[in-house]
Protein backbone atom coordinates (compact mmCIF):
# COMPACT_ATOMS: atom_id res chain seq x y z
CA MET A 1 -47.63 -20.52 -57.45
CA ALA A 2 -50.76 -18.45 -56.61
CA THR A 3 -52.67 -19.90 -53.42
CA ILE A 4 -56.60 -20.30 -53.25
CA PRO A 5 -58.01 -18.21 -50.19
CA ALA A 6 -59.23 -20.60 -47.22
CA VAL A 7 -63.27 -20.26 -46.96
CA PRO A 8 -64.02 -19.67 -43.60
CA VAL A 9 -65.40 -22.66 -41.63
CA GLY A 10 -68.72 -20.53 -40.59
CA LEU A 11 -69.18 -19.57 -43.95
CA LEU A 12 -69.20 -23.11 -45.21
CA ARG A 13 -71.51 -24.09 -42.24
CA ALA A 14 -74.01 -21.13 -42.64
CA ALA A 15 -74.27 -22.41 -46.73
CA LEU A 16 -75.03 -26.41 -45.41
CA LEU A 17 -77.80 -25.04 -43.24
CA TRP A 18 -79.57 -23.25 -45.64
CA VAL A 19 -79.31 -26.13 -48.25
CA THR A 20 -80.57 -28.33 -45.59
CA LEU A 21 -83.28 -25.85 -45.01
CA CYS A 22 -84.59 -25.15 -48.41
CA VAL A 23 -84.51 -29.66 -48.79
CA LEU A 24 -86.36 -29.86 -45.97
CA VAL A 25 -89.13 -26.99 -46.89
CA ALA A 26 -89.19 -28.75 -50.39
CA LEU A 27 -90.28 -32.03 -49.05
CA LEU A 28 -92.49 -30.44 -46.22
CA LEU A 29 -93.96 -28.65 -49.60
CA THR A 30 -94.18 -31.81 -51.09
CA ALA A 31 -95.50 -34.19 -48.74
CA GLY A 32 -98.11 -31.69 -48.14
CA THR A 33 -98.77 -31.04 -51.81
CA THR A 34 -98.83 -34.93 -52.00
CA ILE A 35 -101.39 -35.09 -48.35
CA ALA A 36 -103.72 -32.46 -49.33
CA ARG A 37 -104.27 -34.19 -52.96
CA SER A 38 -105.12 -37.41 -51.31
CA VAL A 39 -107.36 -35.83 -48.69
CA ARG A 40 -108.73 -34.15 -51.70
CA GLY A 41 -109.23 -37.51 -53.79
CA ALA A 42 -110.65 -39.02 -50.79
CA LEU A 43 -113.48 -36.42 -50.01
CA GLU A 44 -114.61 -36.60 -53.70
CA ASP A 45 -114.43 -40.19 -53.95
CA ARG A 46 -116.48 -40.13 -50.90
CA ARG A 47 -118.94 -37.42 -52.32
CA ARG A 48 -119.52 -39.32 -55.39
CA GLU A 49 -120.13 -42.50 -53.52
CA GLU A 50 -123.03 -40.71 -51.51
CA ALA A 51 -124.28 -39.36 -54.46
CA THR A 52 -124.20 -42.80 -55.92
CA GLU A 53 -126.38 -44.19 -53.11
CA ARG A 54 -128.86 -41.47 -52.87
CA LEU A 55 -129.10 -41.17 -57.33
CA GLN A 56 -129.17 -44.95 -58.06
CA PRO A 57 -132.59 -45.70 -57.09
CA THR A 58 -134.19 -42.68 -58.47
CA LEU A 59 -132.58 -43.54 -61.48
CA PHE A 60 -133.97 -46.77 -62.01
CA GLU A 61 -137.11 -45.82 -61.06
CA ARG A 62 -137.88 -43.10 -63.54
CA ILE A 63 -136.00 -45.54 -66.09
CA GLY A 64 -139.10 -47.26 -65.59
CA HIS A 65 -141.46 -44.67 -66.43
CA GLU A 66 -142.89 -43.48 -69.82
CA ASP A 67 -141.52 -40.52 -69.13
CA PRO A 68 -138.70 -39.75 -66.46
CA ASP A 69 -138.50 -36.05 -67.14
CA TRP A 70 -134.86 -35.91 -66.82
CA SER A 71 -134.93 -31.95 -67.47
CA THR A 72 -136.56 -31.73 -63.99
CA TRP A 73 -134.10 -34.17 -62.19
CA LEU A 74 -131.28 -33.05 -64.03
CA ALA A 75 -131.61 -28.93 -63.21
CA GLU A 76 -131.97 -30.29 -59.77
CA CYS A 77 -128.83 -32.05 -59.10
CA SER A 78 -125.29 -31.07 -58.44
CA PRO A 79 -121.71 -31.00 -60.45
CA THR A 80 -120.93 -34.26 -58.18
CA GLU A 81 -124.26 -35.73 -59.09
CA ARG A 82 -123.97 -34.81 -62.70
CA ARG A 83 -120.20 -36.77 -63.03
CA VAL A 84 -122.55 -39.71 -60.89
CA LEU A 85 -125.14 -39.54 -63.45
CA GLU A 86 -122.52 -39.73 -66.49
CA SER A 87 -120.82 -42.74 -64.74
CA GLU A 88 -123.46 -44.64 -64.22
CA VAL A 89 -124.85 -43.96 -68.24
CA ASP A 90 -121.70 -45.22 -69.37
CA ARG A 91 -121.77 -48.37 -66.98
CA LEU A 92 -125.91 -49.29 -67.70
CA LEU A 93 -126.15 -48.48 -71.39
CA ARG A 94 -123.70 -51.58 -71.78
CA LEU A 95 -125.84 -53.55 -70.07
CA PHE A 96 -129.37 -52.51 -70.88
CA THR A 97 -131.12 -53.19 -73.70
CA GLY A 98 -135.08 -52.52 -75.54
CA THR A 99 -136.26 -49.07 -73.83
CA ASP A 100 -134.56 -49.18 -70.89
CA LYS A 101 -131.57 -48.54 -73.28
CA GLN A 102 -133.53 -46.00 -75.04
CA GLN A 103 -134.36 -44.06 -71.98
CA LEU A 104 -130.80 -44.20 -70.68
CA ARG A 105 -130.18 -42.91 -74.59
CA ALA A 106 -132.25 -39.86 -73.82
CA LEU A 107 -130.84 -39.10 -70.32
CA ALA A 108 -127.39 -39.15 -71.69
CA ASN A 109 -128.81 -36.36 -74.44
CA ARG A 110 -129.59 -34.27 -71.91
CA LEU A 111 -126.30 -35.07 -69.70
CA GLU A 112 -124.70 -33.40 -73.40
CA LEU A 113 -122.36 -36.35 -73.89
CA GLY A 114 -123.35 -36.99 -77.14
CA ARG A 115 -120.16 -33.84 -78.07
CA ARG A 116 -117.96 -36.61 -77.03
CA ALA A 117 -118.43 -38.60 -79.65
CA GLU A 118 -118.27 -35.89 -82.48
CA ARG A 119 -115.29 -35.79 -84.91
CA PRO A 120 -113.58 -38.81 -82.79
CA PHE A 121 -110.68 -38.60 -85.77
CA ASP A 122 -110.37 -34.78 -84.52
CA VAL A 123 -108.50 -35.05 -82.24
CA ALA A 124 -104.67 -36.25 -81.58
CA SER A 125 -104.61 -37.84 -78.43
CA ARG A 126 -105.71 -41.65 -79.27
CA VAL A 127 -107.14 -42.44 -75.65
CA ARG A 128 -109.88 -39.62 -76.85
CA ARG A 129 -110.31 -41.19 -79.80
CA PHE A 130 -111.51 -43.86 -78.27
CA GLU A 131 -113.37 -42.37 -75.70
CA ALA A 132 -114.89 -40.98 -78.63
CA LEU A 133 -115.75 -44.08 -80.55
CA THR A 134 -117.05 -45.61 -77.44
CA TRP A 135 -119.48 -43.16 -76.63
CA LEU A 136 -120.51 -42.94 -80.62
CA ALA A 137 -121.05 -46.71 -80.14
CA LEU A 138 -123.21 -46.40 -76.81
CA LEU A 139 -125.48 -43.31 -78.14
CA ASP A 140 -127.98 -42.73 -80.30
CA HIS A 141 -126.10 -39.53 -81.37
CA PRO A 142 -125.63 -38.32 -85.83
CA ILE A 143 -123.33 -40.41 -87.41
CA ASP A 144 -121.24 -40.59 -90.67
CA VAL A 145 -120.36 -44.00 -91.99
CA ASP A 146 -117.97 -42.62 -94.66
CA ARG A 147 -116.26 -40.28 -92.98
CA LEU A 148 -115.55 -43.26 -89.87
CA ARG A 149 -114.31 -45.37 -92.80
CA GLU A 150 -112.04 -43.13 -94.60
CA ARG A 151 -110.37 -41.78 -91.33
CA CYS A 152 -110.00 -44.44 -89.80
CA SER A 153 -106.38 -45.61 -89.71
CA ASP A 154 -104.54 -48.93 -90.24
CA ASP A 155 -103.91 -49.23 -86.15
CA PRO A 156 -106.22 -53.14 -85.74
CA ASP A 157 -107.23 -51.23 -82.14
CA GLU A 158 -108.88 -48.16 -84.29
CA ARG A 159 -110.17 -50.35 -86.83
CA ALA A 160 -111.94 -52.53 -84.33
CA ALA A 161 -113.62 -50.17 -82.67
CA VAL A 162 -115.09 -48.45 -86.15
CA ALA A 163 -116.32 -51.53 -86.94
CA ARG A 164 -117.43 -51.83 -83.33
CA VAL A 165 -119.79 -49.17 -83.84
CA PHE A 166 -121.09 -50.45 -86.92
CA TYR A 167 -122.37 -52.92 -85.29
CA GLU A 168 -123.99 -51.30 -81.96
CA ARG A 169 -125.18 -49.27 -84.09
CA GLU A 170 -127.02 -51.34 -86.33
CA VAL A 171 -125.71 -49.85 -89.83
CA PRO A 172 -127.32 -50.97 -92.87
CA GLU A 173 -124.97 -53.74 -94.05
CA ALA A 174 -123.25 -53.43 -90.94
CA SER A 175 -121.26 -57.29 -91.28
CA THR A 176 -120.18 -56.13 -94.51
CA LEU A 177 -118.78 -52.98 -94.15
CA GLY A 178 -117.26 -53.85 -90.52
CA THR A 179 -115.65 -57.72 -91.97
CA GLU A 180 -114.14 -55.50 -94.95
CA LEU A 181 -112.59 -52.74 -92.30
CA LEU A 182 -111.33 -55.31 -89.43
CA LEU A 183 -109.17 -57.50 -92.59
CA ARG A 184 -108.33 -54.41 -95.24
CA THR A 185 -104.76 -54.38 -93.84
CA GLY A 186 -104.76 -58.29 -93.49
CA ARG A 187 -102.88 -57.98 -89.90
CA PRO A 188 -103.82 -60.23 -87.17
CA LEU A 189 -106.72 -58.49 -85.36
CA PRO A 190 -106.72 -58.16 -80.97
CA LEU A 191 -108.95 -59.87 -78.77
CA PHE A 192 -111.63 -57.01 -79.21
CA GLY A 193 -111.12 -56.93 -83.02
CA LEU A 194 -111.47 -60.82 -83.01
CA ASP A 195 -115.00 -60.70 -81.12
CA THR A 196 -116.19 -57.81 -83.32
CA LEU A 197 -115.71 -60.07 -86.34
CA TYR A 198 -117.80 -62.57 -84.44
CA LYS A 199 -120.46 -60.64 -83.31
CA LEU A 200 -120.38 -59.06 -87.21
CA ASN A 201 -121.24 -62.39 -88.78
CA GLU A 202 -122.52 -64.50 -85.96
CA THR A 203 -125.88 -65.51 -87.63
CA ASP A 204 -125.21 -64.85 -90.96
CA PRO A 205 -120.99 -64.95 -92.20
CA THR A 206 -121.77 -64.34 -95.64
CA ALA A 207 -119.82 -61.33 -95.74
CA LEU A 208 -116.78 -63.11 -94.08
CA LEU A 209 -116.47 -65.99 -96.39
CA GLU A 210 -117.17 -63.68 -99.24
CA THR A 211 -114.07 -61.53 -97.87
CA GLY A 212 -111.84 -64.65 -97.67
CA ALA A 213 -112.96 -65.89 -101.52
CA ILE A 214 -111.13 -63.03 -102.48
CA GLN A 215 -108.75 -62.18 -99.95
CA TRP A 216 -107.55 -65.22 -98.40
CA ASN A 217 -104.35 -65.63 -100.43
CA GLY A 218 -102.52 -62.32 -99.56
CA TRP A 219 -103.29 -62.92 -95.70
CA THR A 220 -100.96 -64.34 -93.35
CA ASP A 221 -101.46 -67.71 -91.50
CA ALA A 222 -102.32 -65.87 -88.33
CA ILE A 223 -105.12 -64.33 -90.01
CA LEU A 224 -106.14 -66.86 -91.77
CA ALA A 225 -106.22 -68.96 -88.91
CA GLN A 226 -108.42 -66.04 -87.20
CA VAL A 227 -110.67 -65.90 -89.69
CA LEU A 228 -111.20 -69.69 -90.14
CA GLU A 229 -111.76 -69.99 -86.26
CA THR A 230 -114.67 -67.35 -86.34
CA LEU A 231 -116.35 -69.15 -88.84
CA GLN A 232 -116.64 -72.31 -86.95
CA TYR A 233 -118.56 -70.11 -84.38
CA CYS A 234 -120.78 -68.38 -87.03
CA ASP A 235 -124.06 -70.01 -87.86
CA PRO A 236 -123.91 -71.33 -91.67
CA ALA A 237 -124.31 -69.30 -94.38
CA GLY A 238 -126.74 -69.87 -97.18
CA THR A 239 -126.29 -72.67 -99.92
CA ASP A 240 -124.62 -70.25 -102.13
CA ALA A 241 -121.79 -68.95 -99.74
CA PRO A 242 -118.28 -69.44 -101.17
CA LEU A 243 -116.69 -72.25 -99.82
CA GLU A 244 -114.14 -73.13 -102.14
CA TRP A 245 -111.02 -71.03 -100.44
CA VAL A 246 -112.03 -72.79 -97.14
CA PHE A 247 -111.74 -76.43 -98.70
CA SER A 248 -108.49 -75.34 -100.10
CA CYS A 249 -106.71 -74.49 -96.52
CA LEU A 250 -107.13 -78.30 -95.85
CA SER A 251 -103.98 -78.64 -97.88
CA HIS A 252 -102.37 -75.22 -96.70
CA GLU A 253 -98.92 -75.46 -95.28
CA ALA A 254 -99.19 -74.37 -91.95
CA PRO A 255 -101.25 -77.06 -89.42
CA THR A 256 -103.16 -74.18 -87.41
CA VAL A 257 -104.49 -73.17 -90.61
CA ARG A 258 -105.48 -76.38 -91.18
CA ALA A 259 -107.31 -77.26 -88.39
CA ALA A 260 -109.02 -74.19 -88.29
CA ALA A 261 -110.27 -75.32 -91.14
CA VAL A 262 -111.22 -78.84 -90.46
CA GLY A 263 -113.32 -76.51 -87.75
CA ALA A 264 -114.78 -74.32 -90.36
CA LEU A 265 -116.13 -77.18 -92.92
CA GLY A 266 -117.56 -78.80 -89.27
CA THR A 267 -119.61 -76.16 -89.49
CA TYR A 268 -121.56 -77.25 -92.88
CA ALA A 269 -120.46 -81.13 -92.79
CA TRP A 270 -124.21 -81.89 -92.07
CA ARG A 271 -124.96 -80.52 -95.37
CA PRO A 272 -124.34 -83.81 -98.17
CA ASP A 273 -122.14 -81.61 -100.63
CA VAL A 274 -119.88 -80.81 -98.07
CA GLU A 275 -119.91 -84.05 -96.26
CA SER A 276 -118.93 -85.69 -99.62
CA ARG A 277 -115.79 -83.23 -100.08
CA ILE A 278 -114.15 -84.26 -97.08
CA GLU A 279 -111.50 -86.60 -96.92
CA VAL A 280 -111.48 -87.68 -93.52
CA THR A 281 -108.58 -90.81 -94.26
CA TRP A 282 -106.46 -87.88 -95.15
CA LEU A 283 -106.93 -85.75 -92.64
CA VAL A 284 -106.35 -88.28 -89.58
CA ALA A 285 -103.39 -89.04 -91.27
CA ASP A 286 -102.19 -85.58 -90.78
CA SER A 287 -98.78 -84.99 -89.69
CA ASP A 288 -99.39 -82.92 -86.65
CA PRO A 289 -101.86 -83.75 -84.60
CA ARG A 290 -103.75 -80.55 -84.34
CA VAL A 291 -105.36 -81.17 -87.27
CA ARG A 292 -106.27 -84.58 -86.45
CA ARG A 293 -108.07 -83.44 -83.30
CA ALA A 294 -109.54 -81.31 -85.33
CA ALA A 295 -111.16 -84.11 -87.49
CA TYR A 296 -112.14 -85.86 -84.87
CA ARG A 297 -113.74 -83.06 -82.85
CA HIS A 298 -115.93 -81.77 -85.57
CA LEU A 299 -116.52 -84.79 -88.32
CA ALA A 300 -117.17 -87.53 -86.00
CA GLU A 301 -120.56 -86.47 -85.25
CA TRP A 302 -121.74 -85.74 -89.03
CA GLY A 303 -119.18 -88.60 -90.56
CA ASP A 304 -121.01 -91.78 -92.01
CA PRO A 305 -120.21 -95.33 -90.76
CA ALA A 306 -117.49 -95.33 -92.98
CA ASP A 307 -116.11 -92.20 -91.95
CA VAL A 308 -116.43 -93.57 -87.82
CA ARG A 309 -114.63 -96.44 -88.74
CA THR A 310 -112.24 -95.18 -90.72
CA MET A 311 -111.52 -92.71 -87.44
CA VAL A 312 -111.48 -95.67 -85.46
CA ASN A 313 -109.12 -97.35 -87.38
CA ALA A 314 -107.08 -94.48 -87.39
CA ALA A 315 -106.98 -94.47 -83.55
CA ARG A 316 -104.72 -97.95 -83.57
CA ALA A 317 -101.45 -95.72 -84.81
CA GLU A 318 -102.93 -92.35 -83.17
CA SER A 319 -99.65 -91.39 -80.93
CA ASP A 320 -101.47 -88.14 -79.37
CA ASP A 321 -103.39 -89.05 -76.57
CA ARG A 322 -105.82 -85.49 -76.25
CA ALA A 323 -106.76 -86.90 -80.22
CA LEU A 324 -107.98 -90.15 -78.06
CA LEU A 325 -109.54 -88.40 -75.42
CA ILE A 326 -111.54 -86.48 -78.33
CA LEU A 327 -112.51 -89.28 -80.10
CA ALA A 328 -113.82 -91.05 -77.38
CA SER A 329 -115.54 -88.23 -76.20
CA GLU A 330 -117.35 -87.39 -79.50
CA LEU A 331 -117.85 -91.49 -80.24
CA THR A 332 -119.05 -92.31 -76.61
CA GLU A 333 -121.98 -94.18 -77.50
CA GLY A 334 -120.39 -95.63 -81.06
CA LEU A 335 -117.86 -97.08 -79.24
CA ARG A 336 -119.04 -98.39 -76.36
CA THR A 337 -121.39 -100.59 -78.57
CA ALA A 338 -118.43 -101.97 -80.82
CA ASP A 339 -115.71 -101.85 -78.12
CA GLN A 340 -114.33 -105.21 -78.84
CA ASP A 341 -112.51 -103.36 -81.95
CA LEU A 342 -110.66 -100.47 -80.18
CA SER A 343 -107.51 -100.06 -79.12
CA PRO A 344 -106.16 -100.74 -75.90
CA ARG A 345 -105.53 -97.10 -75.36
CA LEU A 346 -108.55 -95.53 -77.16
CA ARG A 347 -110.67 -98.29 -74.53
CA ARG A 348 -108.98 -96.94 -71.67
CA CYS A 349 -109.75 -93.19 -72.93
CA LEU A 350 -113.48 -94.49 -73.56
CA ASP A 351 -113.20 -96.00 -70.16
CA TRP A 352 -112.60 -92.71 -68.62
CA VAL A 353 -115.01 -90.70 -70.01
CA VAL A 354 -117.51 -92.77 -69.31
CA ALA A 355 -116.52 -92.57 -65.26
CA GLU A 356 -116.05 -89.13 -65.88
CA ARG A 357 -119.86 -88.64 -67.25
CA ALA A 358 -121.19 -90.89 -64.85
CA ARG A 359 -119.54 -88.64 -61.74
CA THR A 360 -120.68 -85.57 -63.46
CA GLY A 361 -124.02 -86.51 -64.08
């Protein structure tokens, strides 16, 4: 049987030494590269901080001028200073309004930031698309509304970003276009999309009500509740806006939808034609405490004396402490004058509300 010749010990030691040296060299190179990058980053951060402190006073001063002469100033700026100005423009455009915002947009044009907003859907990177849409919302760069609608994907975040562009740029029919874009897929909205839906409909939710009248039967419980909750915080629409589908949601199988529908109708309960159609007796007897809480919270203020008495009587059998506390909070003054008719649990809630208001002023 053939034997394997032994490797000399000296050769093994030499190989091990070389391997060890290579590892050490690699570690030193890695450490050196990391340290060099850290130092370079720290130096860059310091230069940016110094440039920010140096540029901010002049920036704010020039914004207040009728003719800030951005071109002359930018010609004197270094590359680092221009990058600082780009960051400042990005930050301040989200804060300023009116003439100051227009001055900043003029500076953005001089910095050629509009190029970042061109053709947002022609780039593969999702991050780059959102960056482009953000700049499109902030700047006065020309936008093609039809192209944005057509090229926008089903990504809820992307649709919310495009709808926000319509809102920020005050596109004609922004409420209708943005609402349709957000709700077209019937998928639950991300937080940013929900905020955009509210902003689009805050002062006139007619577009949202009209969209709901057409699409609500096809929405999931989640998106239906989101839309109804948004309506709760919007100003009332005109008397010709469709509310019938909101009334239909009062009998929806999902308690979250029923509760949200109560909140949405509470915005219109001051109208006699709406108040007369709301069955308070039915709502305060709902099997889910979330619906009963919504009825106490949103209808107590507008209910007539008979509705208020219905709520007080229902409170005798109310099993949910939060619902009782809401009722006591909404009808504090009225209940204090008729507390002899209150159930013991409601009276305790009323006493707590009165004491808390006295303590907090």
